[in-house]
Amino acid sequence: MAQNQSIFAPFTFLGILLIILGIILVALPILSRMFERLDKIHPLLIWGTRVDGFFIGTSPILIIALLLIYLILLALRS
């Protein structure tokens, strides 16, 4: 039984990490309303533009983190 748990341990960690990132992404618009202007936020935390009154953006740190996770999982598979 312990052998099965060790097989799924990386997926459990990845699942927990994705849940945390999802909570952060859901909370980001709520937190953005607390700031007067999104231009004051450091560009590594959020980067985007306004289109027709909507702010469309992403987080470069999030993209880098997900890329690293992907590369680590790819390396573990090989």
C-alpha atoms as a PDB file:
ATOM      1  CA  MET A   1       0.000   0.000   0.000  1.00  0.00           C
ATOM      2  CA  ALA A   2       2.850   2.404   0.744  1.00  0.00           C
ATOM      3  CA  GLN A   3       4.158   1.877  -2.764  1.00  0.00           C
ATOM      4  CA  ASN A   4       0.939   3.275  -4.301  1.00  0.00           C
ATOM      5  CA  GLN A   5       1.163   6.379  -2.136  1.00  0.00           C
ATOM      6  CA  SER A   6       4.689   7.103  -3.322  1.00  0.00           C
ATOM      7  CA  ILE A   7       3.557   6.895  -6.957  1.00  0.00           C
ATOM      8  CA  PHE A   8       0.887   9.577  -6.463  1.00  0.00           C
ATOM      9  CA  ALA A   9       2.903  11.868  -4.171  1.00  0.00           C
ATOM     10  CA  PRO A  10       4.081  14.215  -6.984  1.00  0.00           C
ATOM     11  CA  PHE A  11       0.526  14.481  -8.286  1.00  0.00           C
ATOM     12  CA  THR A  12      -0.760  15.273  -4.802  1.00  0.00           C
ATOM     13  CA  PHE A  13       1.814  18.045  -4.442  1.00  0.00           C
ATOM     14  CA  LEU A  14       0.951  19.390  -7.897  1.00  0.00           C
ATOM     15  CA  GLY A  15      -2.765  19.283  -7.063  1.00  0.00           C
ATOM     16  CA  ILE A  16      -2.289  21.218  -3.838  1.00  0.00           C
ATOM     17  CA  LEU A  17      -0.086  23.753  -5.641  1.00  0.00           C
ATOM     18  CA  LEU A  18      -2.697  24.235  -8.375  1.00  0.00           C
ATOM     19  CA  ILE A  19      -5.455  24.686  -5.777  1.00  0.00           C
ATOM     20  CA  ILE A  20      -3.397  27.390  -4.049  1.00  0.00           C
ATOM     21  CA  LEU A  21      -2.690  29.107  -7.383  1.00  0.00           C
ATOM     22  CA  GLY A  22      -6.404  28.934  -8.216  1.00  0.00           C
ATOM     23  CA  ILE A  23      -7.314  30.612  -4.940  1.00  0.00           C
ATOM     24  CA  ILE A  24      -4.753  33.332  -5.657  1.00  0.00           C
ATOM     25  CA  LEU A  25      -6.151  33.852  -9.162  1.00  0.00           C
ATOM     26  CA  VAL A  26      -9.694  34.105  -7.806  1.00  0.00           C
ATOM     27  CA  ALA A  27      -8.597  36.552  -5.105  1.00  0.00           C
ATOM     28  CA  LEU A  28      -6.561  38.727  -7.492  1.00  0.00           C
ATOM     29  CA  PRO A  29      -9.525  40.728  -8.886  1.00  0.00           C
ATOM     30  CA  ILE A  30     -10.838  41.268  -5.361  1.00  0.00           C
ATOM     31  CA  LEU A  31      -7.446  42.474  -4.214  1.00  0.00           C
ATOM     32  CA  SER A  32      -7.079  44.684  -7.277  1.00  0.00           C
ATOM     33  CA  ARG A  33     -10.173  46.639  -6.224  1.00  0.00           C
ATOM     34  CA  MET A  34      -8.413  47.500  -2.971  1.00  0.00           C
ATOM     35  CA  PHE A  35      -5.653  49.284  -4.851  1.00  0.00           C
ATOM     36  CA  GLU A  36      -6.304  52.718  -6.283  1.00  0.00           C
ATOM     37  CA  ARG A  37      -4.525  51.951  -9.522  1.00  0.00           C
ATOM     38  CA  LEU A  38      -3.093  48.716 -10.888  1.00  0.00           C
ATOM     39  CA  ASP A  39      -0.179  50.682 -12.359  1.00  0.00           C
ATOM     40  CA  LYS A  40       1.315  50.944  -8.869  1.00  0.00           C
ATOM     41  CA  ILE A  41       1.697  47.154  -8.583  1.00  0.00           C
ATOM     42  CA  HIS A  42       5.135  45.815  -9.478  1.00  0.00           C
ATOM     43  CA  PRO A  43       5.204  44.448 -13.065  1.00  0.00           C
ATOM     44  CA  LEU A  44       6.440  41.024 -11.918  1.00  0.00           C
ATOM     45  CA  LEU A  45       3.280  40.524  -9.850  1.00  0.00           C
ATOM     46  CA  ILE A  46       0.758  41.501 -12.508  1.00  0.00           C
ATOM     47  CA  TRP A  47       1.186  42.692 -16.070  1.00  0.00           C
ATOM     48  CA  GLY A  48      -1.661  43.643 -18.357  1.00  0.00           C
ATOM     49  CA  THR A  49      -3.662  46.229 -20.202  1.00  0.00           C
ATOM     50  CA  ARG A  50      -7.123  47.780 -20.159  1.00  0.00           C
ATOM     51  CA  VAL A  51      -9.501  46.948 -23.008  1.00  0.00           C
ATOM     52  CA  ASP A  52     -12.946  48.573 -23.078  1.00  0.00           C
ATOM     53  CA  GLY A  53     -12.909  49.142 -19.323  1.00  0.00           C
ATOM     54  CA  PHE A  54     -11.737  45.622 -18.468  1.00  0.00           C
ATOM     55  CA  PHE A  55      -8.283  44.837 -17.142  1.00  0.00           C
ATOM     56  CA  ILE A  56      -6.732  41.849 -18.903  1.00  0.00           C
ATOM     57  CA  GLY A  57      -3.519  40.655 -17.369  1.00  0.00           C
ATOM     58  CA  THR A  58      -1.331  37.855 -16.166  1.00  0.00           C
ATOM     59  CA  SER A  59       1.442  37.277 -13.706  1.00  0.00           C
ATOM     60  CA  PRO A  60       4.946  36.708 -15.096  1.00  0.00           C
ATOM     61  CA  ILE A  61       5.899  34.998 -11.821  1.00  0.00           C
ATOM     62  CA  LEU A  62       3.005  32.567 -12.266  1.00  0.00           C
ATOM     63  CA  ILE A  63       4.070  31.801 -15.846  1.00  0.00           C
ATOM     64  CA  ILE A  64       7.666  31.157 -14.734  1.00  0.00           C
ATOM     65  CA  ALA A  65       6.518  28.938 -11.843  1.00  0.00           C
ATOM     66  CA  LEU A  66       4.251  26.859 -14.089  1.00  0.00           C
ATOM     67  CA  LEU A  67       7.013  26.530 -16.683  1.00  0.00           C
ATOM     68  CA  LEU A  68       9.411  25.282 -14.000  1.00  0.00           C
ATOM     69  CA  ILE A  69       6.834  22.775 -12.740  1.00  0.00           C
ATOM     70  CA  TYR A  70       6.314  21.539 -16.288  1.00  0.00           C
ATOM     71  CA  LEU A  71      10.073  21.149 -16.872  1.00  0.00           C
ATOM     72  CA  ILE A  72      10.514  19.307 -13.556  1.00  0.00           C
ATOM     73  CA  LEU A  73       7.687  16.891 -14.370  1.00  0.00           C
ATOM     74  CA  LEU A  74       9.095  16.400 -17.853  1.00  0.00           C
ATOM     75  CA  ALA A  75      12.531  15.646 -16.399  1.00  0.00           C
ATOM     76  CA  LEU A  76      11.051  13.177 -13.889  1.00  0.00           C
ATOM     77  CA  ARG A  77       9.249  11.361 -16.668  1.00  0.00           C
ATOM     78  CA  SER A  78      12.472  10.786 -18.632  1.00  0.00           C
END
